[in-house]
């Protein structure tokens, strides 16, 4: 089981002390982050990423991290990254919400890239191991991933590679929008199917922003309370209020897939207008509802293009 950052073991503390004792000087740059100015190495060689978007940005920049966390709903990094990992895979150092401190120390990082919602207490511990970058994110907005990825690129000393990748995503989305024109433009719903039921995803998400960029208006049908990323679990009757022209249907793992299969066999699901129209697009929930970054954006655009421009 991962060791909580808030309650590190005595062994982890000892390892941390040893790591600090042998740390040597290195050339550094100063970077503005959510925790103020942080000195980062000019050319980091051992990077640990503690957030899906940080791993994506690192691989975009051509940096293979030595450690990473599992994606939500899985026991490894997200499946869409398999093609970019070549013959190497980062060591797993925990899950997004619970990091194994001993595993992080064991990778001897010279740079840690964390997520935008890292608690202060966790940051205090991580920053004692290595310079830790928490991006100053705008929050739950469709373009937050661009802001975060650019900050990770600067931390890695490879800003131009990340900027070029983001520009490539924007250009491709614009081309798809032009190719679609008025023929396929319309509305879309994004739903993640969980064992406890379907969740309607908000229009402020990373993937929702990409749907909008190609010309599809993402609609949550008023089913999301407040500013959350998704609705509470819904019944099939609630789901019938979704009236999008397209339904992008995501599952995170095998359990979600099994629950969806049961629902699909029901008459209520078959009566959904979008099902009757044959416009249900199954997608990978690890990619569509947990990931972010330039590589994830390209993979989502692949799915959109395959569905709408076969």
Protein backbone atom coordinates (compact mmCIF):
# COMPACT_ATOMS: atom_id res chain seq x y z
CA UNK A 1 0.00 0.00 0.00
CA UNK A 2 1.28 3.51 -0.74
CA UNK A 3 2.60 5.45 2.23
CA UNK A 4 0.73 8.71 2.77
CA UNK A 5 2.81 11.82 2.34
CA UNK A 6 1.24 13.22 5.45
CA UNK A 7 2.46 10.29 7.56
CA UNK A 8 5.82 9.23 6.14
CA UNK A 9 7.43 6.17 7.67
CA UNK A 10 10.64 6.38 9.72
CA UNK A 11 12.43 4.60 6.92
CA UNK A 12 11.26 7.25 4.44
CA UNK A 13 12.48 10.03 6.71
CA UNK A 14 15.86 8.33 7.01
CA UNK A 15 16.12 7.94 3.26
CA UNK A 16 15.17 11.57 2.81
CA UNK A 17 17.87 12.71 5.21
CA UNK A 18 20.43 10.59 3.40
CA UNK A 19 19.37 12.00 0.04
CA UNK A 20 19.71 15.55 1.30
CA UNK A 21 23.11 14.84 2.79
CA UNK A 22 24.60 13.69 -0.50
CA UNK A 23 22.89 16.26 -2.72
CA UNK A 24 25.45 18.26 -4.65
CA UNK A 25 25.35 21.70 -6.24
CA UNK A 26 23.91 22.11 -9.71
CA UNK A 27 23.25 24.94 -12.14
CA UNK A 28 19.73 26.22 -11.67
CA UNK A 29 17.08 28.55 -13.04
CA UNK A 30 14.33 30.34 -11.12
CA UNK A 31 10.76 29.51 -12.06
CA UNK A 32 7.51 31.15 -10.96
CA UNK A 33 5.09 28.55 -9.60
CA UNK A 34 1.95 28.32 -7.48
CA UNK A 35 4.28 28.20 -4.45
CA UNK A 36 6.36 31.20 -5.46
CA UNK A 37 9.82 31.16 -6.99
CA UNK A 38 11.49 27.75 -7.20
CA UNK A 39 15.03 27.03 -8.37
CA UNK A 40 15.05 24.16 -10.84
CA UNK A 41 18.02 22.51 -12.55
CA UNK A 42 18.99 23.75 -15.98
CA UNK A 43 18.81 20.26 -17.45
CA UNK A 44 17.00 17.88 -15.07
CA UNK A 45 17.99 14.25 -15.55
CA UNK A 46 15.80 12.41 -13.03
CA UNK A 47 12.24 13.69 -13.15
CA UNK A 48 9.33 12.34 -11.12
CA UNK A 49 5.80 13.28 -12.22
CA UNK A 50 2.91 13.13 -9.74
CA UNK A 51 0.09 14.13 -12.09
CA UNK A 52 -1.19 12.76 -15.39
CA UNK A 53 -0.71 16.08 -17.16
CA UNK A 54 2.87 16.36 -15.92
CA UNK A 55 3.75 12.95 -17.35
CA UNK A 56 2.14 13.86 -20.68
CA UNK A 57 4.04 17.17 -20.85
CA UNK A 58 7.33 15.46 -19.99
CA UNK A 59 6.95 12.92 -22.76
CA UNK A 60 5.90 15.72 -25.12
CA UNK A 61 9.16 17.48 -24.26
CA UNK A 62 11.19 14.33 -24.88
CA UNK A 63 11.92 13.65 -21.21
CA UNK A 64 11.32 10.13 -19.86
CA UNK A 65 10.46 10.42 -16.14
CA UNK A 66 12.01 7.94 -13.75
CA UNK A 67 8.83 7.86 -11.66
CA UNK A 68 5.12 8.55 -12.12
CA UNK A 69 1.76 7.90 -10.51
CA UNK A 70 -0.98 5.63 -11.80
CA UNK A 71 -3.85 7.14 -13.71
CA UNK A 72 -7.28 7.36 -12.13
CA UNK A 73 -9.13 4.07 -12.39
CA UNK A 74 -6.02 2.08 -13.31
CA UNK A 75 -2.95 0.42 -11.84
CA UNK A 76 -0.44 1.88 -14.33
CA UNK A 77 -0.04 5.03 -16.37
CA UNK A 78 -2.80 5.76 -18.88
CA UNK A 79 -3.09 3.37 -21.80
CA UNK A 80 -2.86 6.08 -24.46
CA UNK A 81 0.77 6.70 -23.45
CA UNK A 82 1.93 3.17 -24.31
CA UNK A 83 3.01 4.25 -27.79
CA UNK A 84 5.16 7.05 -26.35
CA UNK A 85 6.98 5.07 -23.66
CA UNK A 86 9.18 3.14 -26.07
CA UNK A 87 11.10 0.43 -24.17
CA UNK A 88 11.10 2.38 -20.92
CA UNK A 89 8.42 2.84 -18.31
CA UNK A 90 8.59 5.08 -15.25
CA UNK A 91 8.52 3.39 -11.86
CA UNK A 92 5.15 3.69 -10.13
CA UNK A 93 5.47 5.87 -7.02
CA UNK A 94 1.84 5.86 -5.91
CA UNK A 95 -1.54 7.12 -7.03
CA UNK A 96 -2.58 10.71 -7.61
CA UNK A 97 -4.09 11.14 -4.15
CA UNK A 98 -1.60 9.05 -2.20
CA UNK A 99 2.10 9.13 -3.00
CA UNK A 100 4.59 6.57 -1.76
CA UNK A 101 7.23 8.86 -0.26
CA UNK A 102 9.82 6.10 -0.01
CA UNK A 103 9.39 5.31 -3.68
CA UNK A 104 9.85 8.97 -4.65
CA UNK A 105 13.04 9.24 -2.58
CA UNK A 106 14.29 5.97 -4.03
CA UNK A 107 14.19 7.41 -7.55
CA UNK A 108 16.64 10.19 -6.48
CA UNK A 109 14.81 12.91 -8.44
CA UNK A 110 16.39 16.23 -9.27
CA UNK A 111 12.97 17.63 -10.23
CA UNK A 112 9.40 16.80 -9.18
CA UNK A 113 6.44 17.89 -11.29
CA UNK A 114 3.24 17.85 -9.22
CA UNK A 115 -0.41 18.55 -9.93
CA UNK A 116 -2.15 21.92 -9.49
CA UNK A 117 -4.13 20.76 -6.45
CA UNK A 118 -1.24 19.45 -4.36
CA UNK A 119 -1.93 20.18 -0.65
CA UNK A 120 0.51 22.50 1.10
CA UNK A 121 1.55 19.82 3.60
CA UNK A 122 2.50 17.46 0.78
CA UNK A 123 4.38 20.21 -1.04
CA UNK A 124 6.42 20.92 2.10
CA UNK A 125 7.61 17.31 2.21
CA UNK A 126 8.22 16.90 -1.50
CA UNK A 127 10.19 20.13 -1.79
CA UNK A 128 12.67 18.73 0.73
CA UNK A 129 13.42 15.86 -1.64
CA UNK A 130 13.88 17.91 -4.83
CA UNK A 131 12.69 21.17 -6.41
CA UNK A 132 8.94 20.70 -6.78
CA UNK A 133 6.92 22.54 -9.41
CA UNK A 134 3.20 23.04 -8.86
CA UNK A 135 1.73 24.93 -11.83
CA UNK A 136 -0.21 28.13 -11.23
CA UNK A 137 -3.34 26.79 -12.93
CA UNK A 138 -6.52 28.73 -13.80
CA UNK A 139 -8.53 25.79 -12.44
CA UNK A 140 -11.33 23.88 -14.12
CA UNK A 141 -11.35 25.51 -17.55
CA UNK A 142 -11.08 23.93 -21.01
CA UNK A 143 -7.66 25.53 -21.64
CA UNK A 144 -6.09 24.96 -18.22
CA UNK A 145 -4.06 22.10 -19.70
CA UNK A 146 -2.21 24.52 -21.96
CA UNK A 147 -1.19 26.75 -19.04
CA UNK A 148 -0.05 23.76 -17.01
CA UNK A 149 1.83 22.09 -19.87
CA UNK A 150 3.71 25.29 -20.68
CA UNK A 151 4.83 25.63 -17.06
CA UNK A 152 6.03 22.02 -17.02
CA UNK A 153 7.88 22.67 -20.28
CA UNK A 154 9.67 25.64 -18.74
CA UNK A 155 10.55 23.58 -15.67
CA UNK A 156 12.12 20.95 -17.91
CA UNK A 157 14.03 23.54 -19.90
CA UNK A 158 12.15 22.52 -23.04
CA UNK A 159 9.47 25.16 -23.40
CA UNK A 160 9.71 25.35 -27.18
CA UNK A 161 8.89 21.65 -27.66
CA UNK A 162 5.76 21.95 -25.54
CA UNK A 163 4.70 25.23 -27.17
CA UNK A 164 5.10 23.67 -30.62
CA UNK A 165 3.00 20.67 -29.59
CA UNK A 166 0.20 22.89 -28.26
CA UNK A 167 0.26 24.93 -31.48
CA UNK A 168 -0.03 21.67 -33.41
CA UNK A 169 -3.11 20.65 -31.43
CA UNK A 170 -4.74 24.03 -32.04
CA UNK A 171 -4.02 23.88 -35.75
CA UNK A 172 -5.37 20.36 -36.09
CA UNK A 173 -8.56 21.21 -34.17
CA UNK A 174 -9.12 24.18 -36.46
CA UNK A 175 -8.67 21.95 -39.52
CA UNK A 176 -11.16 19.42 -38.18
CA UNK A 177 -13.65 22.20 -37.50
CA UNK A 178 -13.30 23.37 -41.09
CA UNK A 179 -13.61 19.82 -42.45
CA UNK A 180 -16.76 19.21 -40.42
CA UNK A 181 -18.33 22.49 -41.47
CA UNK A 182 -22.06 22.51 -40.90
CA UNK A 183 -22.60 18.86 -41.80
CA UNK A 184 -21.63 17.31 -38.45
CA UNK A 185 -21.74 20.37 -36.20
CA UNK A 186 -24.18 20.07 -33.35
CA UNK A 187 -24.26 19.18 -29.69
CA UNK A 188 -22.46 16.47 -27.75
CA UNK A 189 -22.74 14.85 -24.34
CA UNK A 190 -19.78 13.31 -22.57
CA UNK A 191 -20.64 10.58 -20.07
CA UNK A 192 -18.37 8.44 -17.90
CA UNK A 193 -19.97 5.13 -16.94
CA UNK A 194 -19.07 3.94 -13.46
CA UNK A 195 -20.19 0.83 -11.54
CA UNK A 196 -22.57 3.03 -9.51
CA UNK A 197 -24.03 4.62 -12.63
CA UNK A 198 -23.36 7.18 -15.39
CA UNK A 199 -21.79 10.57 -14.67
CA UNK A 200 -22.39 13.48 -17.04
CA UNK A 201 -19.12 15.38 -17.48
CA UNK A 202 -18.93 19.18 -17.42
CA UNK A 203 -18.30 21.44 -20.39
CA UNK A 204 -15.28 22.91 -18.57
CA UNK A 205 -13.14 19.78 -18.91
CA UNK A 206 -10.07 19.24 -21.07
CA UNK A 207 -11.83 16.87 -23.47
CA UNK A 208 -14.97 19.02 -23.56
CA UNK A 209 -12.82 21.91 -24.71
CA UNK A 210 -11.48 19.84 -27.58
CA UNK A 211 -15.01 18.86 -28.63
CA UNK A 212 -15.90 22.56 -28.63
CA UNK A 213 -12.75 23.40 -30.60
CA UNK A 214 -13.88 21.19 -33.49
CA UNK A 215 -17.36 22.72 -33.48
CA UNK A 216 -19.44 20.56 -31.12
CA UNK A 217 -21.33 22.30 -28.33
CA UNK A 218 -20.97 20.29 -25.13
CA UNK A 219 -24.18 20.17 -23.08
CA UNK A 220 -24.60 18.83 -19.54
CA UNK A 221 -28.40 19.29 -19.59
CA UNK A 222 -28.36 21.06 -16.23
CA UNK A 223 -27.47 17.82 -14.44
CA UNK A 224 -24.31 19.11 -12.72
CA UNK A 225 -24.68 21.01 -9.47
CA UNK A 226 -22.28 23.88 -8.76
CA UNK A 227 -18.89 24.01 -10.44
CA UNK A 228 -17.97 20.33 -10.18
CA UNK A 229 -16.40 18.29 -12.97
CA UNK A 230 -19.34 15.90 -13.26
CA UNK A 231 -22.83 15.08 -12.05
CA UNK A 232 -23.82 12.67 -9.32
CA UNK A 233 -24.50 9.11 -10.55
CA UNK A 234 -27.66 9.14 -12.64
CA UNK A 235 -30.40 6.66 -13.42
CA UNK A 236 -31.20 5.76 -17.00
CA UNK A 237 -34.34 7.85 -16.63
CA UNK A 238 -32.21 10.91 -15.76
CA UNK A 239 -29.92 10.12 -18.64
CA UNK A 240 -32.84 10.34 -21.04
CA UNK A 241 -32.77 14.14 -20.58
CA UNK A 242 -29.55 14.27 -22.60
CA UNK A 243 -30.40 15.43 -26.10
CA UNK A 244 -26.99 15.80 -27.72
CA UNK A 245 -26.47 14.81 -31.33
CA UNK A 246 -23.50 12.71 -30.21
CA UNK A 247 -22.82 10.74 -27.05
CA UNK A 248 -19.17 10.12 -26.17
CA UNK A 249 -19.32 7.27 -23.70
CA UNK A 250 -16.28 6.66 -21.51
CA UNK A 251 -15.29 3.84 -19.16
CA UNK A 252 -12.22 3.90 -16.92
CA UNK A 253 -11.69 0.19 -16.36
CA UNK A 254 -13.18 -3.29 -16.58
CA UNK A 255 -15.70 -2.68 -13.80
CA UNK A 256 -17.10 0.36 -15.58
CA UNK A 257 -17.25 -1.58 -18.83
CA UNK A 258 -19.21 -4.38 -17.20
CA UNK A 259 -21.70 -1.92 -15.72
CA UNK A 260 -22.15 -0.26 -19.10
CA UNK A 261 -22.74 -3.63 -20.79
CA UNK A 262 -25.57 -4.34 -18.37
CA UNK A 263 -27.12 -0.92 -19.04
CA UNK A 264 -26.82 -1.30 -22.81
CA UNK A 265 -28.90 -4.46 -22.63
CA UNK A 266 -31.81 -2.57 -21.08
CA UNK A 267 -34.77 -1.22 -23.11
CA UNK A 268 -34.36 2.20 -21.46
CA UNK A 269 -30.86 2.58 -22.91
CA UNK A 270 -31.94 1.42 -26.34
CA UNK A 271 -34.68 4.07 -26.39
CA UNK A 272 -32.23 6.96 -25.96
CA UNK A 273 -32.49 9.10 -29.13
CA UNK A 274 -28.74 9.17 -29.66
CA UNK A 275 -28.61 5.36 -29.42
CA UNK A 276 -31.41 5.02 -31.96
CA UNK A 277 -29.50 7.41 -34.25
CA UNK A 278 -26.32 5.32 -34.01
CA UNK A 279 -24.24 8.20 -32.71
CA UNK A 280 -22.77 6.67 -29.56
CA UNK A 281 -18.96 6.81 -29.54
CA UNK A 282 -17.21 4.52 -26.99
CA UNK A 283 -14.01 6.14 -25.72
CA UNK A 284 -11.28 5.40 -23.18
CA UNK A 285 -12.15 7.08 -19.88
CA UNK A 286 -8.51 7.17 -18.80
CA UNK A 287 -7.87 9.41 -21.80
CA UNK A 288 -11.11 11.39 -22.05
CA UNK A 289 -11.90 12.01 -18.37
CA UNK A 290 -8.58 11.77 -16.50
CA UNK A 291 -5.78 12.82 -18.83
CA UNK A 292 -4.49 16.19 -20.02
CA UNK A 293 -1.62 17.43 -22.14
CA UNK A 294 -0.60 17.68 -25.80
CA UNK A 295 -0.30 13.93 -26.36
CA UNK A 296 -3.72 13.33 -24.80
CA UNK A 297 -5.19 16.11 -26.94
CA UNK A 298 -3.88 14.51 -30.14
CA UNK A 299 -5.30 11.13 -29.08
CA UNK A 300 -8.72 12.67 -28.38
CA UNK A 301 -8.69 14.42 -31.74
CA UNK A 302 -7.91 11.01 -33.30
CA UNK A 303 -11.09 9.64 -31.69
CA UNK A 304 -13.18 12.62 -32.80
CA UNK A 305 -11.90 12.42 -36.37
CA UNK A 306 -12.53 8.66 -36.55
CA UNK A 307 -16.10 9.09 -35.30
CA UNK A 308 -17.18 12.17 -37.22
CA UNK A 309 -15.08 11.89 -40.37
CA UNK A 310 -14.79 8.13 -40.97
